[in-house]
Amino acid sequence: KTSFGIASEDVYAQIANAQAIYGGRDIQSSRIFFVNGEIDPWHANSVLTPPNVQEPTLWVKGASHHFWTHESLPTDSQEVVDARDKIWSQVKSWLNQ
C-alpha cells in the first residue's frame, strides 16, 4: 500500500535508518535539551528522564506544548518564565564551551 506515492516498506526502512543513526528511544547525544509541558499531550512521546549529563530535561508545570517558545506576556505563569530562563541559561552555557 502507498500514500503520497511512497510504499509503506520504504517508510519503515527510513524509520529504522533514523533510529539506527539517532538512537530511537535510547538516544545518546549531546546538547539536546528536552523541555516538556505538564499538560502537553505529546510529553508521553518525549524524553522525560535525562539519558546522560549532556542531554538535560525540564518539566514545566502547568504548561502546554511549546508554551515557553511563545512571545513573553505579563500573564505568563512563573513556571513558564523560569523555564525560559533555564533554557536560555543552558543555551548560553553550550555556546560558551
PDB file of N, CA and C in Angstrom:
ATOM      1  N   LYS A   1       0.844  -1.174   0.000  1.00  0.00           N
ATOM      2  CA  LYS A   1       0.000   0.000   0.000  1.00  0.00           C
ATOM      3  C   LYS A   1       0.896   1.247   0.000  1.00  0.00           C
ATOM      4  N   THR A   2       0.431   2.288  -0.647  1.00  0.00           N
ATOM      5  CA  THR A   2       1.213   3.515  -0.705  1.00  0.00           C
ATOM      6  C   THR A   2       0.369   4.720  -0.302  1.00  0.00           C
ATOM      7  N   SER A   3       1.035   5.696   0.230  1.00  0.00           N
ATOM      8  CA  SER A   3       0.446   7.012   0.494  1.00  0.00           C
ATOM      9  C   SER A   3       1.437   8.026  -0.047  1.00  0.00           C
ATOM     10  N   PHE A   4       0.927   9.025  -0.724  1.00  0.00           N
ATOM     11  CA  PHE A   4       1.776  10.049  -1.318  1.00  0.00           C
ATOM     12  C   PHE A   4       2.805   9.441  -2.267  1.00  0.00           C
ATOM     13  N   GLY A   5       2.482   8.276  -2.831  1.00  0.00           N
ATOM     14  CA  GLY A   5       3.395   7.631  -3.765  1.00  0.00           C
ATOM     15  C   GLY A   5       4.589   6.960  -3.098  1.00  0.00           C
ATOM     16  N   ILE A   6       4.523   6.753  -1.788  1.00  0.00           N
ATOM     17  CA  ILE A   6       5.626   6.121  -1.049  1.00  0.00           C
ATOM     18  C   ILE A   6       5.130   4.803  -0.474  1.00  0.00           C
ATOM     19  N   ALA A   7       5.814   3.735  -0.776  1.00  0.00           N
ATOM     20  CA  ALA A   7       5.429   2.414  -0.275  1.00  0.00           C
ATOM     21  C   ALA A   7       5.678   2.341   1.229  1.00  0.00           C
ATOM     22  N   SER A   8       4.794   1.654   1.943  1.00  0.00           N
ATOM     23  CA  SER A   8       4.943   1.531   3.398  1.00  0.00           C
ATOM     24  C   SER A   8       6.262   0.869   3.772  1.00  0.00           C
ATOM     25  N   GLU A   9       6.752  -0.039   2.971  1.00  0.00           N
ATOM     26  CA  GLU A   9       8.035  -0.685   3.247  1.00  0.00           C
ATOM     27  C   GLU A   9       9.165   0.344   3.253  1.00  0.00           C
ATOM     28  N   ASP A  10       9.082   1.311   2.345  1.00  0.00           N
ATOM     29  CA  ASP A  10      10.096   2.368   2.299  1.00  0.00           C
ATOM     30  C   ASP A  10      10.018   3.258   3.537  1.00  0.00           C
ATOM     31  N   VAL A  11       8.810   3.534   3.989  1.00  0.00           N
ATOM     32  CA  VAL A  11       8.642   4.345   5.203  1.00  0.00           C
ATOM     33  C   VAL A  11       9.267   3.626   6.383  1.00  0.00           C
ATOM     34  N   TYR A  12       8.957   2.344   6.573  1.00  0.00           N
ATOM     35  CA  TYR A  12       9.514   1.579   7.688  1.00  0.00           C
ATOM     36  C   TYR A  12      11.037   1.471   7.598  1.00  0.00           C
ATOM     37  N   ALA A  13      11.560   1.344   6.402  1.00  0.00           N
ATOM     38  CA  ALA A  13      13.015   1.282   6.225  1.00  0.00           C
ATOM     39  C   ALA A  13      13.663   2.598   6.635  1.00  0.00           C
ATOM     40  N   GLN A  14      13.042   3.710   6.300  1.00  0.00           N
ATOM     41  CA  GLN A  14      13.601   5.012   6.669  1.00  0.00           C
ATOM     42  C   GLN A  14      13.479   5.268   8.173  1.00  0.00           C
ATOM     43  N   ILE A  15      12.414   4.787   8.778  1.00  0.00           N
ATOM     44  CA  ILE A  15      12.277   4.897  10.241  1.00  0.00           C
ATOM     45  C   ILE A  15      13.387   4.112  10.923  1.00  0.00           C
ATOM     46  N   ALA A  16      13.623   2.887  10.471  1.00  0.00           N
ATOM     47  CA  ALA A  16      14.690   2.058  11.036  1.00  0.00           C
ATOM     48  C   ALA A  16      16.044   2.727  10.849  1.00  0.00           C
ATOM     49  N   ASN A  17      16.256   3.345   9.693  1.00  0.00           N
ATOM     50  CA  ASN A  17      17.505   4.045   9.421  1.00  0.00           C
ATOM     51  C   ASN A  17      17.693   5.214  10.395  1.00  0.00           C
ATOM     52  N   ALA A  18      16.654   6.021  10.585  1.00  0.00           N
ATOM     53  CA  ALA A  18      16.744   7.161  11.502  1.00  0.00           C
ATOM     54  C   ALA A  18      16.981   6.694  12.934  1.00  0.00           C
ATOM     55  N   GLN A  19      16.326   5.618  13.341  1.00  0.00           N
ATOM     56  CA  GLN A  19      16.532   5.101  14.695  1.00  0.00           C
ATOM     57  C   GLN A  19      17.951   4.576  14.875  1.00  0.00           C
ATOM     58  N   ALA A  20      18.504   3.952  13.839  1.00  0.00           N
ATOM     59  CA  ALA A  20      19.881   3.460  13.917  1.00  0.00           C
ATOM     60  C   ALA A  20      20.863   4.624  14.046  1.00  0.00           C
ATOM     61  N   ILE A  21      20.604   5.711  13.333  1.00  0.00           N
ATOM     62  CA  ILE A  21      21.501   6.870  13.373  1.00  0.00           C
ATOM     63  C   ILE A  21      21.366   7.640  14.681  1.00  0.00           C
ATOM     64  N   TYR A  22      20.125   7.907  15.105  1.00  0.00           N
ATOM     65  CA  TYR A  22      19.885   8.802  16.239  1.00  0.00           C
ATOM     66  C   TYR A  22      19.603   8.100  17.555  1.00  0.00           C
ATOM     67  N   GLY A  23      19.411   6.786  17.544  1.00  0.00           N
ATOM     68  CA  GLY A  23      19.257   6.056  18.793  1.00  0.00           C
ATOM     69  C   GLY A  23      17.838   5.750  19.211  1.00  0.00           C
ATOM     70  N   GLY A  24      16.848   6.229  18.478  1.00  0.00           N
ATOM     71  CA  GLY A  24      15.465   5.931  18.843  1.00  0.00           C
ATOM     72  C   GLY A  24      15.166   6.338  20.271  1.00  0.00           C
ATOM     73  N   ARG A  25      14.588   5.445  21.047  1.00  0.00           N
ATOM     74  CA  ARG A  25      14.268   5.737  22.446  1.00  0.00           C
ATOM     75  C   ARG A  25      15.509   5.692  23.335  1.00  0.00           C
ATOM     76  N   ASP A  26      16.622   5.235  22.822  1.00  0.00           N
ATOM     77  CA  ASP A  26      17.866   5.157  23.587  1.00  0.00           C
ATOM     78  C   ASP A  26      18.883   6.172  23.074  1.00  0.00           C
ATOM     79  N   ILE A  27      18.394   7.358  22.730  1.00  0.00           N
ATOM     80  CA  ILE A  27      19.247   8.396  22.164  1.00  0.00           C
ATOM     81  C   ILE A  27      20.412   8.707  23.101  1.00  0.00           C
ATOM     82  N   GLN A  28      21.579   8.837  22.520  1.00  0.00           N
ATOM     83  CA  GLN A  28      22.778   9.231  23.251  1.00  0.00           C
ATOM     84  C   GLN A  28      23.471  10.287  22.396  1.00  0.00           C
ATOM     85  N   SER A  29      23.433  11.502  22.862  1.00  0.00           N
ATOM     86  CA  SER A  29      23.990  12.596  22.087  1.00  0.00           C
ATOM     87  C   SER A  29      24.520  13.648  23.042  1.00  0.00           C
ATOM     88  N   SER A  30      24.546  14.861  22.598  1.00  0.00           N
ATOM     89  CA  SER A  30      24.947  15.972  23.460  1.00  0.00           C
ATOM     90  C   SER A  30      24.210  17.224  23.008  1.00  0.00           C
ATOM     91  N   ARG A  31      24.070  18.134  23.935  1.00  0.00           N
ATOM     92  CA  ARG A  31      23.455  19.434  23.672  1.00  0.00           C
ATOM     93  C   ARG A  31      22.038  19.344  23.130  1.00  0.00           C
ATOM     94  N   ILE A  32      21.274  18.432  23.687  1.00  0.00           N
ATOM     95  CA  ILE A  32      19.847  18.361  23.415  1.00  0.00           C
ATOM     96  C   ILE A  32      19.155  18.648  24.745  1.00  0.00           C
ATOM     97  N   PHE A  33      18.260  19.596  24.747  1.00  0.00           N
ATOM     98  CA  PHE A  33      17.517  19.947  25.958  1.00  0.00           C
ATOM     99  C   PHE A  33      16.061  19.557  25.722  1.00  0.00           C
ATOM    100  N   PHE A  34      15.616  18.532  26.417  1.00  0.00           N
ATOM    101  CA  PHE A  34      14.250  18.039  26.271  1.00  0.00           C
ATOM    102  C   PHE A  34      13.351  18.790  27.252  1.00  0.00           C
ATOM    103  N   VAL A  35      12.561  19.724  26.741  1.00  0.00           N
ATOM    104  CA  VAL A  35      11.666  20.523  27.566  1.00  0.00           C
ATOM    105  C   VAL A  35      10.238  20.057  27.309  1.00  0.00           C
ATOM    106  N   ASN A  36       9.522  19.752  28.378  1.00  0.00           N
ATOM    107  CA  ASN A  36       8.168  19.215  28.270  1.00  0.00           C
ATOM    108  C   ASN A  36       7.210  19.957  29.180  1.00  0.00           C
ATOM    109  N   GLY A  37       6.012  20.171  28.683  1.00  0.00           N
ATOM    110  CA  GLY A  37       4.963  20.784  29.474  1.00  0.00           C
ATOM    111  C   GLY A  37       4.060  19.743  30.104  1.00  0.00           C
ATOM    112  N   GLU A  38       3.657  20.019  31.318  1.00  0.00           N
ATOM    113  CA  GLU A  38       2.830  19.078  32.078  1.00  0.00           C
ATOM    114  C   GLU A  38       1.520  18.743  31.371  1.00  0.00           C
ATOM    115  N   ILE A  39       0.896  19.728  30.716  1.00  0.00           N
ATOM    116  CA  ILE A  39      -0.386  19.457  30.066  1.00  0.00           C
ATOM    117  C   ILE A  39      -0.258  19.324  28.550  1.00  0.00           C
ATOM    118  N   ASP A  40       0.961  19.102  28.101  1.00  0.00           N
ATOM    119  CA  ASP A  40       1.213  18.850  26.684  1.00  0.00           C
ATOM    120  C   ASP A  40       0.908  17.382  26.402  1.00  0.00           C
ATOM    121  N   PRO A  41      -0.053  17.094  25.541  1.00  0.00           N
ATOM    122  CA  PRO A  41      -0.367  15.685  25.277  1.00  0.00           C
ATOM    123  C   PRO A  41       0.787  14.932  24.620  1.00  0.00           C
ATOM    124  N   TRP A  42       1.741  15.641  24.033  1.00  0.00           N
ATOM    125  CA  TRP A  42       2.870  14.989  23.372  1.00  0.00           C
ATOM    126  C   TRP A  42       3.974  14.589  24.340  1.00  0.00           C
ATOM    127  N   HIS A  43       3.917  15.022  25.585  1.00  0.00           N
ATOM    128  CA  HIS A  43       5.019  14.712  26.500  1.00  0.00           C
ATOM    129  C   HIS A  43       5.208  13.207  26.695  1.00  0.00           C
ATOM    130  N   ALA A  44       4.143  12.443  26.500  1.00  0.00           N
ATOM    131  CA  ALA A  44       4.260  10.987  26.645  1.00  0.00           C
ATOM    132  C   ALA A  44       5.201  10.387  25.606  1.00  0.00           C
ATOM    133  N   ASN A  45       5.424  11.077  24.512  1.00  0.00           N
ATOM    134  CA  ASN A  45       6.323  10.593  23.453  1.00  0.00           C
ATOM    135  C   ASN A  45       7.697  11.229  23.532  1.00  0.00           C
ATOM    136  N   SER A  46       7.949  11.977  24.568  1.00  0.00           N
ATOM    137  CA  SER A  46       9.217  12.687  24.662  1.00  0.00           C
ATOM    138  C   SER A  46      10.155  12.004  25.649  1.00  0.00           C
ATOM    139  N   VAL A  47      11.305  12.597  25.807  1.00  0.00           N
ATOM    140  CA  VAL A  47      12.289  12.137  26.778  1.00  0.00           C
ATOM    141  C   VAL A  47      12.020  12.902  28.070  1.00  0.00           C
ATOM    142  N   LEU A  48      11.734  12.182  29.140  1.00  0.00           N
ATOM    143  CA  LEU A  48      11.396  12.805  30.417  1.00  0.00           C
ATOM    144  C   LEU A  48      12.497  12.658  31.466  1.00  0.00           C
ATOM    145  N   THR A  49      13.350  11.673  31.261  1.00  0.00           N
ATOM    146  CA  THR A  49      14.478  11.431  32.162  1.00  0.00           C
ATOM    147  C   THR A  49      15.755  11.635  31.360  1.00  0.00           C
ATOM    148  N   PRO A  50      16.690  12.434  31.872  1.00  0.00           N
ATOM    149  CA  PRO A  50      17.914  12.692  31.093  1.00  0.00           C
ATOM    150  C   PRO A  50      18.644  11.395  30.723  1.00  0.00           C
ATOM    151  N   PRO A  51      18.906  11.177  29.436  1.00  0.00           N
ATOM    152  CA  PRO A  51      19.641   9.978  29.017  1.00  0.00           C
ATOM    153  C   PRO A  51      21.097  10.003  29.476  1.00  0.00           C
ATOM    154  N   ASN A  52      21.644  11.208  29.625  1.00  0.00           N
ATOM    155  CA  ASN A  52      23.022  11.387  30.080  1.00  0.00           C
ATOM    156  C   ASN A  52      23.185  12.851  30.512  1.00  0.00           C
ATOM    157  N   VAL A  53      24.346  13.219  31.015  1.00  0.00           N
ATOM    158  CA  VAL A  53      24.535  14.582  31.524  1.00  0.00           C
ATOM    159  C   VAL A  53      24.550  15.630  30.423  1.00  0.00           C
ATOM    160  N   GLN A  54      24.746  15.220  29.184  1.00  0.00           N
ATOM    161  CA  GLN A  54      24.773  16.152  28.052  1.00  0.00           C
ATOM    162  C   GLN A  54      23.389  16.431  27.480  1.00  0.00           C
ATOM    163  N   GLU A  55      22.375  15.724  27.983  1.00  0.00           N
ATOM    164  CA  GLU A  55      21.007  15.869  27.475  1.00  0.00           C
ATOM    165  C   GLU A  55      20.039  16.095  28.637  1.00  0.00           C
ATOM    166  N   PRO A  56      19.986  17.317  29.151  1.00  0.00           N
ATOM    167  CA  PRO A  56      19.106  17.582  30.290  1.00  0.00           C
ATOM    168  C   PRO A  56      17.631  17.592  29.887  1.00  0.00           C
ATOM    169  N   THR A  57      16.796  17.447  30.883  1.00  0.00           N
ATOM    170  CA  THR A  57      15.352  17.551  30.680  1.00  0.00           C
ATOM    171  C   THR A  57      14.817  18.639  31.599  1.00  0.00           C
ATOM    172  N   LEU A  58      13.662  19.149  31.235  1.00  0.00           N
ATOM    173  CA  LEU A  58      12.996  20.165  32.047  1.00  0.00           C
ATOM    174  C   LEU A  58      11.506  19.912  31.989  1.00  0.00           C
ATOM    175  N   TRP A  59      10.873  19.857  33.137  1.00  0.00           N
ATOM    176  CA  TRP A  59       9.432  19.664  33.259  1.00  0.00           C
ATOM    177  C   TRP A  59       8.826  21.001  33.621  1.00  0.00           C
ATOM    178  N   VAL A  60       7.910  21.500  32.797  1.00  0.00           N
ATOM    179  CA  VAL A  60       7.299  22.809  33.035  1.00  0.00           C
ATOM    180  C   VAL A  60       5.867  22.589  33.517  1.00  0.00           C
ATOM    181  N   LYS A  61       5.679  22.782  34.798  1.00  0.00           N
ATOM    182  CA  LYS A  61       4.371  22.557  35.416  1.00  0.00           C
ATOM    183  C   LYS A  61       3.325  23.512  34.839  1.00  0.00           C
ATOM    184  N   GLY A  62       2.185  22.956  34.497  1.00  0.00           N
ATOM    185  CA  GLY A  62       1.064  23.747  34.016  1.00  0.00           C
ATOM    186  C   GLY A  62       1.183  24.265  32.596  1.00  0.00           C
ATOM    187  N   ALA A  63       2.242  23.893  31.887  1.00  0.00           N
ATOM    188  CA  ALA A  63       2.467  24.418  30.534  1.00  0.00           C
ATOM    189  C   ALA A  63       1.983  23.439  29.476  1.00  0.00           C
ATOM    190  N   SER A  64       1.538  24.001  28.364  1.00  0.00           N
ATOM    191  CA  SER A  64       1.134  23.182  27.226  1.00  0.00           C
ATOM    192  C   SER A  64       2.298  23.097  26.243  1.00  0.00           C
ATOM    193  N   HIS A  65       2.030  22.538  25.095  1.00  0.00           N
ATOM    194  CA  HIS A  65       3.050  22.289  24.068  1.00  0.00           C
ATOM    195  C   HIS A  65       3.778  23.569  23.652  1.00  0.00           C
ATOM    196  N   HIS A  66       5.071  23.623  23.886  1.00  0.00           N
ATOM    197  CA  HIS A  66       5.946  24.732  23.481  1.00  0.00           C
ATOM    198  C   HIS A  66       5.501  26.097  23.996  1.00  0.00           C
ATOM    199  N   PHE A  67       4.834  26.145  25.123  1.00  0.00           N
ATOM    200  CA  PHE A  67       4.347  27.418  25.644  1.00  0.00           C
ATOM    201  C   PHE A  67       5.489  28.398  25.881  1.00  0.00           C
ATOM    202  N   TRP A  68       6.654  27.884  26.255  1.00  0.00           N
ATOM    203  CA  TRP A  68       7.828  28.711  26.560  1.00  0.00           C
ATOM    204  C   TRP A  68       8.452  29.311  25.309  1.00  0.00           C
ATOM    205  N   THR A  69       8.020  28.851  24.108  1.00  0.00           N
ATOM    206  CA  THR A  69       8.556  29.427  22.868  1.00  0.00           C
ATOM    207  C   THR A  69       7.682  30.557  22.340  1.00  0.00           C
ATOM    208  N   HIS A  70       6.560  30.782  22.967  1.00  0.00           N
ATOM    209  CA  HIS A  70       5.680  31.882  22.554  1.00  0.00           C
ATOM    210  C   HIS A  70       6.240  33.208  23.051  1.00  0.00           C
ATOM    211  N   GLU A  71       5.741  34.272  22.500  1.00  0.00           N
ATOM    212  CA  GLU A  71       6.128  35.612  22.931  1.00  0.00           C
ATOM    213  C   GLU A  71       5.849  35.770  24.427  1.00  0.00           C
ATOM    214  N   SER A  72       6.781  36.400  25.137  1.00  0.00           N
ATOM    215  CA  SER A  72       6.596  36.651  26.573  1.00  0.00           C
ATOM    216  C   SER A  72       5.464  37.640  26.780  1.00  0.00           C
ATOM    217  N   LEU A  73       4.626  37.317  27.749  1.00  0.00           N
ATOM    218  CA  LEU A  73       3.496  38.173  28.095  1.00  0.00           C
ATOM    219  C   LEU A  73       3.455  38.379  29.609  1.00  0.00           C
ATOM    220  N   PRO A  74       2.899  39.482  30.052  1.00  0.00           N
ATOM    221  CA  PRO A  74       2.794  39.712  31.501  1.00  0.00           C
ATOM    222  C   PRO A  74       1.934  38.662  32.209  1.00  0.00           C
ATOM    223  N   THR A  75       1.100  37.964  31.465  1.00  0.00           N
ATOM    224  CA  THR A  75       0.226  36.946  32.049  1.00  0.00           C
ATOM    225  C   THR A  75       0.875  35.560  32.124  1.00  0.00           C
ATOM    226  N   ASP A  76       2.118  35.422  31.656  1.00  0.00           N
ATOM    227  CA  ASP A  76       2.802  34.129  31.709  1.00  0.00           C
ATOM    228  C   ASP A  76       2.952  33.667  33.151  1.00  0.00           C
ATOM    229  N   SER A  77       2.803  32.365  33.345  1.00  0.00           N
ATOM    230  CA  SER A  77       2.990  31.812  34.688  1.00  0.00           C
ATOM    231  C   SER A  77       4.460  31.900  35.075  1.00  0.00           C
ATOM    232  N   GLN A  78       4.724  31.858  36.360  1.00  0.00           N
ATOM    233  CA  GLN A  78       6.103  31.895  36.839  1.00  0.00           C
ATOM    234  C   GLN A  78       6.871  30.674  36.343  1.00  0.00           C
ATOM    235  N   GLU A  79       6.187  29.534  36.212  1.00  0.00           N
ATOM    236  CA  GLU A  79       6.838  28.313  35.719  1.00  0.00           C
ATOM    237  C   GLU A  79       7.346  28.496  34.286  1.00  0.00           C
ATOM    238  N   VAL A  80       6.565  29.169  33.451  1.00  0.00           N
ATOM    239  CA  VAL A  80       6.980  29.417  32.068  1.00  0.00           C
ATOM    240  C   VAL A  80       8.120  30.429  32.029  1.00  0.00           C
ATOM    241  N   VAL A  81       8.036  31.463  32.841  1.00  0.00           N
ATOM    242  CA  VAL A  81       9.118  32.457  32.929  1.00  0.00           C
ATOM    243  C   VAL A  81      10.406  31.763  33.370  1.00  0.00           C
ATOM    244  N   ASP A  82      10.325  30.925  34.389  1.00  0.00           N
ATOM    245  CA  ASP A  82      11.503  30.204  34.874  1.00  0.00           C
ATOM    246  C   ASP A  82      12.044  29.244  33.816  1.00  0.00           C
ATOM    247  N   ALA A  83      11.146  28.596  33.068  1.00  0.00           N
ATOM    248  CA  ALA A  83      11.585  27.684  32.008  1.00  0.00           C
ATOM    249  C   ALA A  83      12.378  28.437  30.953  1.00  0.00           C
ATOM    250  N   ARG A  84      11.891  29.602  30.555  1.00  0.00           N
ATOM    251  CA  ARG A  84      12.631  30.392  29.562  1.00  0.00           C
ATOM    252  C   ARG A  84      14.022  30.750  30.078  1.00  0.00           C
ATOM    253  N   ASP A  85      14.101  31.122  31.350  1.00  0.00           N
ATOM    254  CA  ASP A  85      15.400  31.457  31.949  1.00  0.00           C
ATOM    255  C   ASP A  85      16.335  30.251  31.939  1.00  0.00           C
ATOM    256  N   LYS A  86      15.812  29.079  32.299  1.00  0.00           N
ATOM    257  CA  LYS A  86      16.637  27.865  32.323  1.00  0.00           C
ATOM    258  C   LYS A  86      17.087  27.470  30.918  1.00  0.00           C
ATOM    259  N   ILE A  87      16.189  27.589  29.958  1.00  0.00           N
ATOM    260  CA  ILE A  87      16.541  27.258  28.573  1.00  0.00           C
ATOM    261  C   ILE A  87      17.639  28.196  28.081  1.00  0.00           C
ATOM    262  N   TRP A  88      17.444  29.482  28.289  1.00  0.00           N
ATOM    263  CA  TRP A  88      18.429  30.472  27.842  1.00  0.00           C
ATOM    264  C   TRP A  88      19.769  30.243  28.531  1.00  0.00           C
ATOM    265  N   SER A  89      19.745  29.966  29.821  1.00  0.00           N
ATOM    266  CA  SER A  89      20.982  29.711  30.565  1.00  0.00           C
ATOM    267  C   SER A  89      21.715  28.492  30.001  1.00  0.00           C
ATOM    268  N   GLN A  90      20.957  27.435  29.688  1.00  0.00           N
ATOM    269  CA  GLN A  90      21.580  26.236  29.137  1.00  0.00           C
ATOM    270  C   GLN A  90      22.190  26.508  27.762  1.00  0.00           C
ATOM    271  N   VAL A  91      21.463  27.206  26.911  1.00  0.00           N
ATOM    272  CA  VAL A  91      21.971  27.515  25.567  1.00  0.00           C
ATOM    273  C   VAL A  91      23.228  28.373  25.671  1.00  0.00           C
ATOM    274  N   LYS A  92      23.213  29.382  26.525  1.00  0.00           N
ATOM    275  CA  LYS A  92      24.406  30.230  26.704  1.00  0.00           C
ATOM    276  C   LYS A  92      25.593  29.418  27.180  1.00  0.00           C
ATOM    277  N   SER A  93      25.353  28.484  28.088  1.00  0.00           N
ATOM    278  CA  SER A  93      26.425  27.618  28.584  1.00  0.00           C
ATOM    279  C   SER A  93      27.030  26.803  27.455  1.00  0.00           C
ATOM    280  N   TRP A  94      26.178  26.223  26.616  1.00  0.00           N
ATOM    281  CA  TRP A  94      26.681  25.446  25.488  1.00  0.00           C
ATOM    282  C   TRP A  94      27.447  26.317  24.494  1.00  0.00           C
ATOM    283  N   LEU A  95      26.959  27.521  24.236  1.00  0.00           N
ATOM    284  CA  LEU A  95      27.620  28.408  23.292  1.00  0.00           C
ATOM    285  C   LEU A  95      28.978  28.892  23.801  1.00  0.00           C
ATOM    286  N   ASN A  96      29.115  28.945  25.102  1.00  0.00           N
ATOM    287  CA  ASN A  96      30.383  29.395  25.702  1.00  0.00           C
ATOM    288  C   ASN A  96      31.424  28.286  25.777  1.00  0.00           C
ATOM    289  N   GLN A  97      31.052  27.077  25.453  1.00  0.00           N
ATOM    290  CA  GLN A  97      32.019  25.956  25.529  1.00  0.00           C
ATOM    291  C   GLN A  97      32.928  25.950  24.315  1.00  0.00           C
TER     292      GLN A  97
END
